[in-house]
Amino acid sequence: MSINKIYPDPFYDHIDIEEELFEKFLSHPEIIKEVIRAKNISNFGLIKHVFQSASHSKFEHHLGTYKLIRETEKKIFFLNKNEITYLKYSYPHNSI
């Protein structure tokens, strides 16, 4: 049984990362420096001077993106071919 790594998140409450992904990627010695670096980079830019108590690092942004991708993966398996074609041509950049 795999145990997920849980990160607290102010927007989503928490984000689960599969143990296998965490062990193979996020805890890798070569990657850990970049993870620490991403935790120290603000994703707000100059807005942090207006909203001083707000915090959102690149790492938190990446975790949120990961969560949305995982949720989309779970939902897309239930779509039929016509629904996928509709989604593909409904968005301006054909991002699906």
C-alpha atoms as a PDB file:
ATOM      1  CA  MET A   1       0.000   0.000   0.000  1.00  0.00           C
ATOM      2  CA  SER A   2       1.468   3.332  -1.014  1.00  0.00           C
ATOM      3  CA  ILE A   3       1.293   6.342   1.242  1.00  0.00           C
ATOM      4  CA  ASN A   4       0.884   9.746  -0.356  1.00  0.00           C
ATOM      5  CA  LYS A   5       2.890  12.792   0.626  1.00  0.00           C
ATOM      6  CA  ILE A   6       0.480  15.532   1.690  1.00  0.00           C
ATOM      7  CA  TYR A   7       1.329  19.212   1.229  1.00  0.00           C
ATOM      8  CA  PRO A   8      -0.839  21.845   2.914  1.00  0.00           C
ATOM      9  CA  ASP A   9      -2.235  24.364   0.459  1.00  0.00           C
ATOM     10  CA  PRO A  10      -4.132  27.594   1.217  1.00  0.00           C
ATOM     11  CA  PHE A  11      -6.344  27.271  -1.875  1.00  0.00           C
ATOM     12  CA  TYR A  12      -6.975  23.507  -2.147  1.00  0.00           C
ATOM     13  CA  ASP A  13      -6.560  22.728   1.587  1.00  0.00           C
ATOM     14  CA  HIS A  14      -4.048  19.980   0.772  1.00  0.00           C
ATOM     15  CA  ILE A  15      -2.374  18.375  -2.229  1.00  0.00           C
ATOM     16  CA  ASP A  16      -1.584  14.654  -2.331  1.00  0.00           C
ATOM     17  CA  ILE A  17       1.472  13.481  -4.237  1.00  0.00           C
ATOM     18  CA  GLU A  18       1.887   9.776  -4.907  1.00  0.00           C
ATOM     19  CA  GLU A  19       4.719   8.201  -2.930  1.00  0.00           C
ATOM     20  CA  GLU A  20       6.323   6.774  -6.083  1.00  0.00           C
ATOM     21  CA  LEU A  21       6.475  10.183  -7.762  1.00  0.00           C
ATOM     22  CA  PHE A  22       7.793  11.807  -4.601  1.00  0.00           C
ATOM     23  CA  GLU A  23      10.547   9.223  -4.134  1.00  0.00           C
ATOM     24  CA  LYS A  24      11.630   9.109  -7.774  1.00  0.00           C
ATOM     25  CA  PHE A  25      11.400  12.813  -8.550  1.00  0.00           C
ATOM     26  CA  LEU A  26      10.955  15.338  -5.750  1.00  0.00           C
ATOM     27  CA  SER A  27      13.395  13.718  -3.328  1.00  0.00           C
ATOM     28  CA  HIS A  28      16.065  13.026  -5.970  1.00  0.00           C
ATOM     29  CA  PRO A  29      19.415  14.614  -4.957  1.00  0.00           C
ATOM     30  CA  GLU A  30      19.779  16.426  -8.298  1.00  0.00           C
ATOM     31  CA  ILE A  31      16.251  17.864  -8.132  1.00  0.00           C
ATOM     32  CA  ILE A  32      16.155  18.837  -4.451  1.00  0.00           C
ATOM     33  CA  LYS A  33      18.179  22.027  -5.104  1.00  0.00           C
ATOM     34  CA  GLU A  34      15.619  23.168  -7.687  1.00  0.00           C
ATOM     35  CA  VAL A  35      12.742  22.317  -5.335  1.00  0.00           C
ATOM     36  CA  ILE A  36      14.311  24.468  -2.609  1.00  0.00           C
ATOM     37  CA  ARG A  37      14.915  27.249  -5.141  1.00  0.00           C
ATOM     38  CA  ALA A  38      11.273  27.120  -6.321  1.00  0.00           C
ATOM     39  CA  LYS A  39      10.088  27.388  -2.712  1.00  0.00           C
ATOM     40  CA  ASN A  40      12.012  30.665  -2.377  1.00  0.00           C
ATOM     41  CA  ILE A  41      10.773  32.335  -5.585  1.00  0.00           C
ATOM     42  CA  SER A  42       7.636  34.427  -5.181  1.00  0.00           C
ATOM     43  CA  ASN A  43       5.000  34.019  -7.849  1.00  0.00           C
ATOM     44  CA  PHE A  44       3.448  37.417  -7.062  1.00  0.00           C
ATOM     45  CA  GLY A  45       6.089  39.845  -8.283  1.00  0.00           C
ATOM     46  CA  LEU A  46       5.315  43.412  -7.215  1.00  0.00           C
ATOM     47  CA  ILE A  47       1.881  42.505  -5.825  1.00  0.00           C
ATOM     48  CA  LYS A  48       3.593  41.240  -2.669  1.00  0.00           C
ATOM     49  CA  HIS A  49       4.274  44.899  -1.769  1.00  0.00           C
ATOM     50  CA  VAL A  50       0.525  45.635  -1.771  1.00  0.00           C
ATOM     51  CA  PHE A  51      -0.679  42.399  -0.169  1.00  0.00           C
ATOM     52  CA  GLN A  52       2.171  41.779   2.246  1.00  0.00           C
ATOM     53  CA  SER A  53       0.615  38.824   4.058  1.00  0.00           C
ATOM     54  CA  ALA A  54      -0.036  36.906   0.829  1.00  0.00           C
ATOM     55  CA  SER A  55       2.398  34.189  -0.143  1.00  0.00           C
ATOM     56  CA  HIS A  56       2.566  31.983  -3.187  1.00  0.00           C
ATOM     57  CA  SER A  57       5.838  30.443  -4.289  1.00  0.00           C
ATOM     58  CA  LYS A  58       6.692  28.826  -7.610  1.00  0.00           C
ATOM     59  CA  PHE A  59       6.699  25.479  -5.805  1.00  0.00           C
ATOM     60  CA  GLU A  60       3.134  26.032  -4.544  1.00  0.00           C
ATOM     61  CA  HIS A  61       2.127  27.040  -8.071  1.00  0.00           C
ATOM     62  CA  HIS A  62       3.644  23.846  -9.500  1.00  0.00           C
ATOM     63  CA  LEU A  63       1.838  21.738  -6.886  1.00  0.00           C
ATOM     64  CA  GLY A  64      -1.476  23.397  -7.745  1.00  0.00           C
ATOM     65  CA  THR A  65      -0.878  22.744 -11.440  1.00  0.00           C
ATOM     66  CA  TYR A  66      -0.051  19.112 -10.649  1.00  0.00           C
ATOM     67  CA  LYS A  67      -3.325  18.757  -8.711  1.00  0.00           C
ATOM     68  CA  LEU A  68      -5.375  20.190 -11.581  1.00  0.00           C
ATOM     69  CA  ILE A  69      -3.686  17.886 -14.106  1.00  0.00           C
ATOM     70  CA  ARG A  70      -4.381  14.837 -11.913  1.00  0.00           C
ATOM     71  CA  GLU A  71      -8.061  15.838 -11.564  1.00  0.00           C
ATOM     72  CA  THR A  72      -8.346  16.360 -15.321  1.00  0.00           C
ATOM     73  CA  GLU A  73      -6.782  12.952 -15.986  1.00  0.00           C
ATOM     74  CA  LYS A  74      -9.370  11.288 -13.777  1.00  0.00           C
ATOM     75  CA  LYS A  75     -12.276  13.053 -15.514  1.00  0.00           C
ATOM     76  CA  ILE A  76     -11.132  12.681 -19.128  1.00  0.00           C
ATOM     77  CA  PHE A  77     -11.408   8.883 -19.029  1.00  0.00           C
ATOM     78  CA  PHE A  78     -15.168   9.231 -18.716  1.00  0.00           C
ATOM     79  CA  LEU A  79     -15.560  11.350 -21.846  1.00  0.00           C
ATOM     80  CA  ASN A  80     -16.567   9.789 -25.137  1.00  0.00           C
ATOM     81  CA  LYS A  81     -14.891  10.590 -28.466  1.00  0.00           C
ATOM     82  CA  ASN A  82     -17.454  13.259 -29.465  1.00  0.00           C
ATOM     83  CA  GLU A  83     -17.027  15.112 -26.170  1.00  0.00           C
ATOM     84  CA  ILE A  84     -13.241  15.098 -26.534  1.00  0.00           C
ATOM     85  CA  THR A  85     -13.504  16.415 -30.110  1.00  0.00           C
ATOM     86  CA  TYR A  86     -15.841  19.162 -28.897  1.00  0.00           C
ATOM     87  CA  LEU A  87     -13.409  20.185 -26.164  1.00  0.00           C
ATOM     88  CA  LYS A  88     -10.469  20.084 -28.552  1.00  0.00           C
ATOM     89  CA  TYR A  89     -12.026  22.551 -30.986  1.00  0.00           C
ATOM     90  CA  SER A  90     -13.835  24.698 -28.399  1.00  0.00           C
ATOM     91  CA  TYR A  91     -10.677  26.228 -26.973  1.00  0.00           C
ATOM     92  CA  PRO A  92      -8.749  28.822 -28.989  1.00  0.00           C
ATOM     93  CA  HIS A  93      -5.318  27.213 -28.650  1.00  0.00           C
ATOM     94  CA  ASN A  94      -6.359  23.578 -29.130  1.00  0.00           C
ATOM     95  CA  SER A  95      -4.813  22.909 -25.747  1.00  0.00           C
ATOM     96  CA  ILE A  96      -6.490  19.551 -25.205  1.00  0.00           C
END
